[in-house]
Amino acid sequence: MRLLRIIGKILAFPVMLIVTVIQWLFILLISFSSIIFYLLVGLFLLVAVLSLIFGVATCQEALRAVLAGITAFMIPVIGQGITAIIAVFREGLSDFIRS
């Protein structure tokens, strides 16, 4: 049984390294994309509010722009959730290797 545990730890180590690299790539991707998406969301909301104030768009059209902004806002948030799941998986592998 002890031999199987040692073999499992040896096999889990490269998997943990790959998961760590994937986590770093996700963090890098989310960092850059969140800046772009948050600027896009700000633009959507600014256009929606100003077009409603100046009477260029109806309330329904402004609401569509706001919903598009909320959808664009949620993309980096979902990515952060995926990154958190990857981090939990990596920590579980790390704890298994240390034990």
C-alpha atoms as a PDB file:
ATOM      1  CA  MET A   1       0.000   0.000   0.000  1.00  0.00           C
ATOM      2  CA  ARG A   2       2.834   2.348   0.850  1.00  0.00           C
ATOM      3  CA  LEU A   3       4.494   1.649  -2.501  1.00  0.00           C
ATOM      4  CA  LEU A   4       1.290   2.570  -4.345  1.00  0.00           C
ATOM      5  CA  ARG A   5       1.108   5.846  -2.441  1.00  0.00           C
ATOM      6  CA  ILE A   6       4.699   6.725  -3.415  1.00  0.00           C
ATOM      7  CA  ILE A   7       3.985   5.865  -7.063  1.00  0.00           C
ATOM      8  CA  GLY A   8       0.840   7.991  -6.917  1.00  0.00           C
ATOM      9  CA  LYS A   9       2.839  10.928  -5.566  1.00  0.00           C
ATOM     10  CA  ILE A  10       5.436  10.563  -8.306  1.00  0.00           C
ATOM     11  CA  LEU A  11       2.701  10.512 -10.956  1.00  0.00           C
ATOM     12  CA  ALA A  12       0.826  13.426  -9.381  1.00  0.00           C
ATOM     13  CA  PHE A  13       3.828  15.750  -9.388  1.00  0.00           C
ATOM     14  CA  PRO A  14       3.956  16.387 -13.180  1.00  0.00           C
ATOM     15  CA  VAL A  15       0.177  16.796 -13.193  1.00  0.00           C
ATOM     16  CA  MET A  16       0.484  19.417 -10.457  1.00  0.00           C
ATOM     17  CA  LEU A  17       3.124  21.278 -12.483  1.00  0.00           C
ATOM     18  CA  ILE A  18       0.902  21.296 -15.565  1.00  0.00           C
ATOM     19  CA  VAL A  19      -2.090  22.492 -13.543  1.00  0.00           C
ATOM     20  CA  THR A  20       0.076  25.263 -12.046  1.00  0.00           C
ATOM     21  CA  VAL A  21       1.111  26.462 -15.499  1.00  0.00           C
ATOM     22  CA  ILE A  22      -2.521  26.382 -16.649  1.00  0.00           C
ATOM     23  CA  GLN A  23      -3.512  28.403 -13.579  1.00  0.00           C
ATOM     24  CA  TRP A  24      -0.840  31.026 -14.328  1.00  0.00           C
ATOM     25  CA  LEU A  25      -1.991  31.270 -17.939  1.00  0.00           C
ATOM     26  CA  PHE A  26      -5.590  31.737 -16.833  1.00  0.00           C
ATOM     27  CA  ILE A  27      -4.542  34.470 -14.395  1.00  0.00           C
ATOM     28  CA  LEU A  28      -2.586  36.249 -17.132  1.00  0.00           C
ATOM     29  CA  LEU A  29      -5.456  35.962 -19.606  1.00  0.00           C
ATOM     30  CA  ILE A  30      -8.032  37.168 -17.113  1.00  0.00           C
ATOM     31  CA  SER A  31      -5.859  40.103 -16.058  1.00  0.00           C
ATOM     32  CA  PHE A  32      -5.614  41.441 -19.592  1.00  0.00           C
ATOM     33  CA  SER A  33      -9.136  40.586 -20.661  1.00  0.00           C
ATOM     34  CA  SER A  34     -10.704  42.101 -17.557  1.00  0.00           C
ATOM     35  CA  ILE A  35      -9.161  45.480 -18.383  1.00  0.00           C
ATOM     36  CA  ILE A  36     -10.560  45.344 -21.906  1.00  0.00           C
ATOM     37  CA  PHE A  37     -13.979  44.085 -20.850  1.00  0.00           C
ATOM     38  CA  TYR A  38     -14.340  46.601 -18.014  1.00  0.00           C
ATOM     39  CA  LEU A  39     -13.531  49.451 -20.405  1.00  0.00           C
ATOM     40  CA  LEU A  40     -16.101  48.022 -22.815  1.00  0.00           C
ATOM     41  CA  VAL A  41     -18.686  47.816 -20.033  1.00  0.00           C
ATOM     42  CA  GLY A  42     -18.035  51.421 -19.071  1.00  0.00           C
ATOM     43  CA  LEU A  43     -18.512  52.462 -22.684  1.00  0.00           C
ATOM     44  CA  PHE A  44     -21.786  50.519 -22.965  1.00  0.00           C
ATOM     45  CA  LEU A  45     -23.162  52.079 -19.788  1.00  0.00           C
ATOM     46  CA  LEU A  46     -21.999  55.567 -20.741  1.00  0.00           C
ATOM     47  CA  VAL A  47     -23.609  55.335 -24.168  1.00  0.00           C
ATOM     48  CA  ALA A  48     -26.825  53.914 -22.704  1.00  0.00           C
ATOM     49  CA  VAL A  49     -27.178  56.623 -20.072  1.00  0.00           C
ATOM     50  CA  LEU A  50     -26.227  59.500 -22.361  1.00  0.00           C
ATOM     51  CA  SER A  51     -28.484  58.335 -25.184  1.00  0.00           C
ATOM     52  CA  LEU A  52     -31.350  58.071 -22.724  1.00  0.00           C
ATOM     53  CA  ILE A  53     -30.650  61.520 -21.276  1.00  0.00           C
ATOM     54  CA  PHE A  54     -30.400  63.191 -24.684  1.00  0.00           C
ATOM     55  CA  GLY A  55     -33.439  61.363 -26.042  1.00  0.00           C
ATOM     56  CA  VAL A  56     -31.574  59.546 -28.806  1.00  0.00           C
ATOM     57  CA  ALA A  57     -32.747  56.111 -27.639  1.00  0.00           C
ATOM     58  CA  THR A  58     -35.812  54.792 -25.943  1.00  0.00           C
ATOM     59  CA  CYS A  59     -35.747  53.203 -22.521  1.00  0.00           C
ATOM     60  CA  GLN A  60     -35.920  49.724 -24.064  1.00  0.00           C
ATOM     61  CA  GLU A  61     -32.897  50.370 -26.293  1.00  0.00           C
ATOM     62  CA  ALA A  62     -30.911  51.756 -23.359  1.00  0.00           C
ATOM     63  CA  LEU A  63     -31.840  48.692 -21.324  1.00  0.00           C
ATOM     64  CA  ARG A  64     -30.463  46.458 -24.100  1.00  0.00           C
ATOM     65  CA  ALA A  65     -27.132  48.306 -23.936  1.00  0.00           C
ATOM     66  CA  VAL A  66     -27.055  47.954 -20.157  1.00  0.00           C
ATOM     67  CA  LEU A  67     -27.759  44.212 -20.427  1.00  0.00           C
ATOM     68  CA  ALA A  68     -24.968  43.892 -22.998  1.00  0.00           C
ATOM     69  CA  GLY A  69     -22.676  45.660 -20.524  1.00  0.00           C
ATOM     70  CA  ILE A  70     -23.672  43.326 -17.712  1.00  0.00           C
ATOM     71  CA  THR A  71     -23.021  40.321 -19.951  1.00  0.00           C
ATOM     72  CA  ALA A  72     -19.566  41.636 -20.872  1.00  0.00           C
ATOM     73  CA  PHE A  73     -18.894  42.305 -17.170  1.00  0.00           C
ATOM     74  CA  MET A  74     -19.660  38.685 -16.261  1.00  0.00           C
ATOM     75  CA  ILE A  75     -17.084  37.148 -18.639  1.00  0.00           C
ATOM     76  CA  PRO A  76     -14.007  37.965 -16.467  1.00  0.00           C
ATOM     77  CA  VAL A  77     -15.960  37.048 -13.335  1.00  0.00           C
ATOM     78  CA  ILE A  78     -16.671  33.582 -14.734  1.00  0.00           C
ATOM     79  CA  GLY A  79     -12.991  33.289 -15.667  1.00  0.00           C
ATOM     80  CA  GLN A  80     -12.009  34.120 -12.096  1.00  0.00           C
ATOM     81  CA  GLY A  81     -14.326  31.369 -10.874  1.00  0.00           C
ATOM     82  CA  ILE A  82     -12.690  28.860 -13.216  1.00  0.00           C
ATOM     83  CA  THR A  83      -9.275  29.985 -11.972  1.00  0.00           C
ATOM     84  CA  ALA A  84     -10.401  29.447  -8.375  1.00  0.00           C
ATOM     85  CA  ILE A  85     -11.512  25.908  -9.203  1.00  0.00           C
ATOM     86  CA  ILE A  86      -8.134  25.208 -10.818  1.00  0.00           C
ATOM     87  CA  ALA A  87      -6.380  26.609  -7.723  1.00  0.00           C
ATOM     88  CA  VAL A  88      -8.386  24.319  -5.421  1.00  0.00           C
ATOM     89  CA  PHE A  89      -7.500  21.315  -7.598  1.00  0.00           C
ATOM     90  CA  ARG A  90      -3.808  22.293  -7.536  1.00  0.00           C
ATOM     91  CA  GLU A  91      -3.860  22.699  -3.748  1.00  0.00           C
ATOM     92  CA  GLY A  92      -5.444  19.270  -3.409  1.00  0.00           C
ATOM     93  CA  LEU A  93      -2.677  17.735  -5.499  1.00  0.00           C
ATOM     94  CA  SER A  94      -0.067  19.634  -3.508  1.00  0.00           C
ATOM     95  CA  ASP A  95      -1.506  18.377  -0.218  1.00  0.00           C
ATOM     96  CA  PHE A  96      -1.529  14.809  -1.547  1.00  0.00           C
ATOM     97  CA  ILE A  97       2.118  15.059  -2.577  1.00  0.00           C
ATOM     98  CA  ARG A  98       3.169  16.510   0.803  1.00  0.00           C
ATOM     99  CA  SER A  99       1.326  13.917   2.871  1.00  0.00           C
END
